[in-house]
N, C-alpha and C. Protein backbone atom coordinates (compact mmCIF):
# COMPACT_ATOMS: atom_id res chain seq x y z
N MET A 1 -12.51 -10.83 -8.44
CA MET A 1 -13.39 -10.84 -9.46
C MET A 1 -14.25 -10.27 -8.40
N PHE A 2 -15.74 -9.24 -8.45
CA PHE A 2 -16.78 -8.84 -8.09
C PHE A 2 -17.62 -8.51 -9.03
N LEU A 3 -19.43 -8.53 -9.25
CA LEU A 3 -19.57 -8.77 -10.27
C LEU A 3 -21.14 -7.05 -9.62
N SER A 4 -21.07 -6.23 -10.29
CA SER A 4 -21.78 -5.21 -9.44
C SER A 4 -22.75 -5.04 -10.70
N ALA A 5 -24.44 -4.70 -10.05
CA ALA A 5 -25.14 -3.55 -10.92
C ALA A 5 -24.26 -2.83 -11.53
N GLY A 6 -24.95 -2.28 -12.66
CA GLY A 6 -24.28 -0.76 -13.53
C GLY A 6 -24.03 -0.22 -13.43
N GLN A 7 -25.57 0.38 -12.52
CA GLN A 7 -26.07 1.66 -12.08
C GLN A 7 -25.40 1.36 -10.59
N THR A 8 -24.60 1.05 -9.99
CA THR A 8 -23.99 0.61 -8.48
C THR A 8 -22.48 1.62 -8.55
N SER A 9 -22.95 2.78 -7.95
CA SER A 9 -21.46 2.98 -7.24
C SER A 9 -20.61 2.85 -6.65
N ASP A 10 -19.36 3.36 -7.29
CA ASP A 10 -18.56 2.78 -7.10
C ASP A 10 -18.00 2.28 -5.42
N TYR A 11 -18.50 3.26 -4.48
CA TYR A 11 -18.06 2.75 -3.34
C TYR A 11 -19.29 1.65 -2.70
N ILE A 12 -20.48 1.78 -3.51
CA ILE A 12 -21.06 0.66 -2.73
C ILE A 12 -20.65 -0.40 -3.25
N GLY A 13 -20.20 -0.83 -4.35
CA GLY A 13 -19.12 -2.25 -4.50
C GLY A 13 -19.20 -2.25 -3.92
N ALA A 14 -16.96 -1.51 -3.34
CA ALA A 14 -16.72 -0.92 -2.44
C ALA A 14 -16.88 -1.88 -1.45
N ARG A 15 -17.92 -1.39 -0.51
CA ARG A 15 -18.19 -1.69 0.70
C ARG A 15 -18.35 -3.58 0.65
N ALA A 16 -19.67 -4.24 -1.11
CA ALA A 16 -19.05 -5.54 -0.67
C ALA A 16 -17.67 -6.62 0.14
N LEU A 17 -17.04 -5.73 -0.65
CA LEU A 17 -15.69 -6.37 -1.02
C LEU A 17 -14.60 -6.25 -0.18
N LEU A 18 -14.50 -4.99 0.88
CA LEU A 18 -13.93 -4.67 2.01
C LEU A 18 -14.33 -6.03 2.65
N SER A 19 -14.92 -7.05 3.61
CA SER A 19 -14.46 -7.80 4.00
C SER A 19 -13.39 -9.18 3.59
N SER A 20 -13.22 -9.05 2.29
CA SER A 20 -12.49 -9.61 1.50
C SER A 20 -11.10 -8.75 1.37
N THR A 21 -10.17 -7.49 1.07
CA THR A 21 -9.90 -7.08 0.91
C THR A 21 -8.15 -7.71 1.40
N PRO A 22 -7.26 -8.16 0.65
CA PRO A 22 -6.13 -8.39 1.19
C PRO A 22 -4.82 -8.15 2.17
N GLN A 23 -3.99 -7.68 2.23
CA GLN A 23 -3.12 -6.76 3.21
C GLN A 23 -3.03 -6.51 2.19
N ALA A 24 -2.36 -5.47 2.39
CA ALA A 24 -1.35 -3.92 1.69
C ALA A 24 -1.45 -2.94 2.14
N GLY A 25 -0.41 -2.43 1.22
CA GLY A 25 -0.13 -1.16 1.81
C GLY A 25 -0.29 0.32 1.74
N ALA A 26 -0.98 -0.01 0.27
CA ALA A 26 -2.29 1.09 0.14
C ALA A 26 -3.10 0.87 -0.64
N LEU A 27 -4.26 1.84 -1.01
CA LEU A 27 -5.30 1.34 -1.51
C LEU A 27 -5.30 2.65 -2.41
N LEU A 28 -4.51 2.12 -4.32
CA LEU A 28 -5.62 3.44 -5.26
C LEU A 28 -6.58 3.30 -5.84
N ALA A 29 -7.36 4.67 -6.01
CA ALA A 29 -8.75 4.15 -6.43
C ALA A 29 -8.74 5.68 -6.73
N ASP A 30 -9.98 6.26 -7.64
CA ASP A 30 -10.12 7.47 -8.23
C ASP A 30 -11.51 8.20 -7.46
N ARG A 31 -12.09 9.31 -7.56
CA ARG A 31 -12.81 9.59 -6.54
C ARG A 31 -13.83 9.37 -6.13
N GLY A 32 -14.27 8.40 -7.77
CA GLY A 32 -15.59 7.85 -7.34
C GLY A 32 -15.53 6.72 -5.76
N TYR A 33 -14.21 6.34 -5.52
CA TYR A 33 -14.38 6.00 -3.78
C TYR A 33 -14.15 6.42 -3.05
N ASP A 34 -14.44 8.37 -3.11
CA ASP A 34 -14.06 8.88 -2.02
C ASP A 34 -15.49 9.74 -0.91
N ALA A 35 -15.29 8.36 0.42
CA ALA A 35 -15.86 8.66 1.19
C ALA A 35 -15.35 8.02 2.58
N ASP A 36 -15.48 9.23 3.76
CA ASP A 36 -14.61 9.04 4.47
C ASP A 36 -15.33 8.07 5.59
N TRP A 37 -16.60 6.63 5.40
CA TRP A 37 -16.57 5.42 6.00
C TRP A 37 -15.84 4.97 5.29
N PHE A 38 -15.22 4.90 3.70
CA PHE A 38 -14.72 3.57 3.29
C PHE A 38 -12.75 4.79 3.68
N ARG A 39 -12.73 5.50 3.97
CA ARG A 39 -11.77 5.83 4.36
C ARG A 39 -11.40 5.14 5.43
N ASN A 40 -11.83 5.12 6.42
CA ASN A 40 -11.50 5.05 8.07
C ASN A 40 -11.70 3.44 8.05
N ALA A 41 -12.32 2.01 6.95
CA ALA A 41 -12.74 1.08 6.90
C ALA A 41 -10.83 1.09 6.51
N LEU A 42 -10.55 1.24 5.17
CA LEU A 42 -8.69 0.82 5.06
C LEU A 42 -8.10 1.36 6.26
N ILE A 43 -8.23 2.15 6.77
CA ILE A 43 -7.12 2.45 8.32
C ILE A 43 -7.30 1.29 8.85
N GLU A 44 -8.29 1.45 9.32
CA GLU A 44 -8.86 0.12 10.25
C GLU A 44 -8.51 -1.51 10.05
N LEU A 45 -8.11 -1.07 8.86
CA LEU A 45 -7.74 -2.74 8.19
C LEU A 45 -5.57 -1.86 7.55
N GLY A 46 -5.26 -1.29 8.46
CA GLY A 46 -3.92 -1.43 7.77
C GLY A 46 -3.62 -0.48 5.94
N ILE A 47 -4.73 -0.21 5.34
CA ILE A 47 -4.17 0.15 4.66
C ILE A 47 -3.64 1.45 4.23
N SER A 48 -3.78 2.30 3.63
CA SER A 48 -3.25 3.21 3.35
C SER A 48 -4.13 3.99 1.86
N PRO A 49 -5.49 5.00 2.22
CA PRO A 49 -5.92 5.31 1.02
C PRO A 49 -5.08 6.45 0.83
N CYS A 50 -5.15 5.84 -0.76
CA CYS A 50 -4.71 6.86 -1.90
C CYS A 50 -5.63 7.26 -2.92
N ILE A 51 -6.70 8.26 -2.93
CA ILE A 51 -7.35 8.43 -2.69
C ILE A 51 -7.59 10.17 -3.20
N PRO A 52 -7.99 10.33 -3.79
CA PRO A 52 -7.91 12.06 -4.69
C PRO A 52 -9.64 12.60 -3.98
N SER A 53 -9.24 13.23 -3.29
CA SER A 53 -10.67 14.06 -2.48
C SER A 53 -12.12 14.15 -3.98
N LYS A 54 -13.18 14.41 -3.86
CA LYS A 54 -13.99 14.67 -4.64
C LYS A 54 -14.21 16.49 -4.68
N ARG A 55 -14.60 16.91 -5.52
CA ARG A 55 -14.39 18.24 -5.85
C ARG A 55 -15.49 19.00 -4.41
N SER A 56 -16.49 17.72 -4.72
CA SER A 56 -17.16 19.19 -3.53
C SER A 56 -17.58 18.89 -2.28
N ARG A 57 -16.23 18.07 -2.34
CA ARG A 57 -15.80 18.11 -0.54
C ARG A 57 -14.93 19.77 -0.58
N THR A 58 -15.50 19.78 0.95
CA THR A 58 -15.59 21.61 1.99
C THR A 58 -13.83 21.57 1.84
N VAL A 59 -12.99 20.29 2.70
CA VAL A 59 -12.08 19.79 3.05
C VAL A 59 -11.26 19.65 2.28
N HIS A 60 -10.46 19.82 1.27
CA HIS A 60 -10.27 18.43 0.46
C HIS A 60 -9.37 18.03 1.66
N ILE A 61 -9.12 15.92 1.26
CA ILE A 61 -8.04 15.33 1.89
C ILE A 61 -6.30 15.16 1.16
N LEU A 62 -5.24 15.45 1.44
CA LEU A 62 -4.42 15.25 0.67
C LEU A 62 -4.19 13.41 0.50
N HIS A 63 -3.50 13.24 -0.98
CA HIS A 63 -2.75 11.85 -1.00
C HIS A 63 -2.10 11.78 -2.53
N ASP A 64 -0.80 10.61 -2.14
CA ASP A 64 0.25 10.14 -2.39
C ASP A 64 0.01 10.87 -3.91
N ALA A 65 0.39 11.72 -3.86
CA ALA A 65 0.29 11.79 -6.65
C ALA A 65 1.39 11.36 -6.50
N ALA A 66 2.57 11.09 -6.48
CA ALA A 66 3.31 9.80 -7.15
C ALA A 66 2.80 8.97 -6.86
N LEU A 67 2.21 8.44 -5.88
CA LEU A 67 2.06 6.37 -5.80
C LEU A 67 0.34 6.62 -6.73
N TYR A 68 0.53 7.71 -6.67
CA TYR A 68 -1.59 7.45 -7.37
C TYR A 68 -1.31 7.59 -9.30
N ARG A 69 -0.10 8.16 -9.37
CA ARG A 69 0.46 8.19 -10.89
C ARG A 69 0.26 6.86 -11.12
N LEU A 70 0.50 5.60 -10.33
CA LEU A 70 0.85 4.85 -10.37
C LEU A 70 -0.58 3.53 -11.05
N ARG A 71 -1.89 4.32 -11.16
CA ARG A 71 -2.64 4.04 -11.08
C ARG A 71 -3.09 3.92 -12.68
N HIS A 72 -2.20 4.47 -13.25
CA HIS A 72 -3.01 4.17 -15.11
C HIS A 72 -2.20 2.16 -15.81
N LYS A 73 -1.44 1.41 -14.39
CA LYS A 73 -1.98 0.42 -14.68
C LYS A 73 -3.02 0.05 -14.94
N ILE A 74 -4.17 0.25 -13.72
CA ILE A 74 -5.33 -0.55 -13.38
C ILE A 74 -6.02 0.16 -14.42
N GLU A 75 -5.50 1.15 -14.97
CA GLU A 75 -6.99 1.79 -15.90
C GLU A 75 -6.72 0.82 -17.18
N ASN A 76 -5.29 0.02 -17.64
CA ASN A 76 -4.90 -0.66 -18.76
C ASN A 76 -5.12 -1.93 -18.25
N MET A 77 -4.73 -2.14 -17.40
CA MET A 77 -5.40 -3.67 -17.74
C MET A 77 -6.85 -3.22 -18.51
N PHE A 78 -7.74 -2.27 -17.24
CA PHE A 78 -9.54 -3.15 -18.08
C PHE A 78 -9.12 -2.33 -19.56
N ALA A 79 -8.35 -1.72 -20.16
CA ALA A 79 -8.10 -1.14 -21.48
C ALA A 79 -8.41 -2.83 -22.75
N ARG A 80 -7.16 -3.67 -21.57
CA ARG A 80 -6.72 -4.77 -21.95
C ARG A 80 -8.24 -5.20 -22.39
N LEU A 81 -8.39 -5.59 -20.83
CA LEU A 81 -10.08 -6.33 -21.06
C LEU A 81 -11.24 -5.79 -21.51
N LYS A 82 -11.03 -5.15 -22.23
CA LYS A 82 -11.90 -4.59 -23.06
C LYS A 82 -11.71 -4.52 -24.55
N ASP A 83 -10.88 -4.67 -25.13
CA ASP A 83 -10.59 -4.77 -25.66
C ASP A 83 -11.02 -6.32 -26.29
N TRP A 84 -11.54 -7.99 -25.41
CA TRP A 84 -12.30 -8.32 -26.43
C TRP A 84 -13.50 -8.68 -26.29
N ARG A 85 -13.75 -8.93 -26.92
CA ARG A 85 -15.52 -8.03 -27.41
C ARG A 85 -16.44 -8.29 -26.72
N ARG A 86 -16.30 -9.32 -26.61
CA ARG A 86 -17.69 -9.97 -25.87
C ARG A 86 -17.78 -9.20 -24.64
N VAL A 87 -15.70 -9.17 -23.44
CA VAL A 87 -16.65 -8.69 -21.89
C VAL A 87 -16.66 -6.71 -22.68
N ALA A 88 -16.38 -6.31 -23.54
CA ALA A 88 -16.58 -4.85 -23.66
C ALA A 88 -18.65 -4.54 -23.59
N THR A 89 -18.91 -5.68 -25.19
CA THR A 89 -20.37 -5.46 -25.28
C THR A 89 -21.28 -6.27 -24.14
N ARG A 90 -20.36 -7.29 -23.11
CA ARG A 90 -20.96 -7.94 -22.62
C ARG A 90 -22.49 -8.32 -23.06
N TYR A 91 -21.83 -9.71 -24.00
CA TYR A 91 -22.96 -10.68 -25.03
C TYR A 91 -23.44 -11.16 -23.24
N ASP A 92 -22.81 -12.04 -23.01
CA ASP A 92 -23.66 -12.73 -21.66
C ASP A 92 -24.62 -11.81 -20.93
N ARG A 93 -25.75 -12.53 -20.78
CA ARG A 93 -26.61 -11.92 -19.79
C ARG A 93 -26.44 -12.77 -18.13
N CYS A 94 -26.13 -13.91 -18.46
CA CYS A 94 -25.78 -14.55 -17.48
C CYS A 94 -24.93 -14.42 -16.74
N PRO A 95 -24.86 -13.24 -15.08
CA PRO A 95 -22.89 -12.85 -14.69
C PRO A 95 -22.63 -14.02 -14.27
N ILE A 96 -22.65 -15.11 -14.51
CA ILE A 96 -22.02 -16.08 -13.92
C ILE A 96 -20.71 -16.45 -15.42
N LEU A 97 -21.69 -16.87 -16.88
CA LEU A 97 -20.72 -16.40 -17.94
C LEU A 97 -20.33 -15.49 -18.03
N PHE A 98 -20.51 -13.77 -17.40
CA PHE A 98 -19.66 -13.04 -18.23
C PHE A 98 -18.56 -12.99 -17.11
N LEU A 99 -18.40 -13.03 -16.05
CA LEU A 99 -17.79 -12.69 -14.78
C LEU A 99 -16.73 -14.20 -15.47
N SER A 100 -17.32 -15.98 -16.53
CA SER A 100 -16.35 -16.77 -16.93
C SER A 100 -15.49 -15.97 -17.55
N ALA A 101 -16.36 -15.66 -18.69
CA ALA A 101 -15.44 -14.52 -20.17
C ALA A 101 -14.30 -13.86 -19.81
N CYS A 102 -14.46 -13.14 -18.35
CA CYS A 102 -13.46 -11.97 -18.01
C CYS A 102 -12.10 -12.93 -17.51
N ALA A 103 -13.21 -13.88 -16.60
CA ALA A 103 -11.45 -14.47 -15.80
C ALA A 103 -11.04 -15.11 -16.94
N LEU A 104 -11.78 -16.50 -18.18
CA LEU A 104 -10.37 -16.38 -19.13
C LEU A 104 -10.20 -15.06 -19.90
N ALA A 105 -9.86 -14.25 -19.74
CA ALA A 105 -9.93 -12.40 -21.33
C ALA A 105 -8.49 -12.47 -20.11
N ALA A 106 -8.66 -12.58 -18.18
CA ALA A 106 -7.54 -11.98 -17.92
C ALA A 106 -6.35 -13.25 -17.96
N ILE A 107 -6.46 -14.48 -17.79
CA ILE A 107 -5.91 -15.30 -17.93
C ILE A 107 -5.32 -15.48 -19.03
N VAL A 108 -5.68 -15.08 -20.15
CA VAL A 108 -5.18 -15.45 -21.19
C VAL A 108 -3.63 -13.77 -21.42
N ILE A 109 -4.69 -12.86 -21.22
CA ILE A 109 -4.01 -11.27 -21.07
C ILE A 109 -2.69 -11.60 -20.48
N TYR A 110 -3.04 -12.49 -19.09
CA TYR A 110 -1.79 -12.76 -18.32
C TYR A 110 -0.10 -13.39 -18.89
N TRP A 111 -1.03 -14.05 -19.88
CA TRP A 111 0.04 -14.70 -20.35
C TRP A 111 0.52 -14.38 -21.33
N LEU A 112 0.12 -13.97 -22.18
CA LEU A 112 0.58 -12.99 -22.67
C LEU A 112 2.12 -11.98 -23.40
């Protein structure tokens, strides 16, 4: 888990995690991660980016639509985390305590 500032764009947070990205066949992400440098960095790591193009892109980049449909499982995981009121409303102002609450919620969700 990685905690970034609330106003930080998605791909800036992805830059911080890029060096610790595990080996994978593909990376599913939404339009917020559509940046040429991010796509190129994933390809250099041997990961196939499955990211739809932003609407403002002049030349759209194709993605695997069948694989992208599996992204709902990622969204469902975040929805289950937000079932925990403490995580959804961010009662904890300290980042360490907030990450601890997220980790605890993820562990309980995994085991149920």
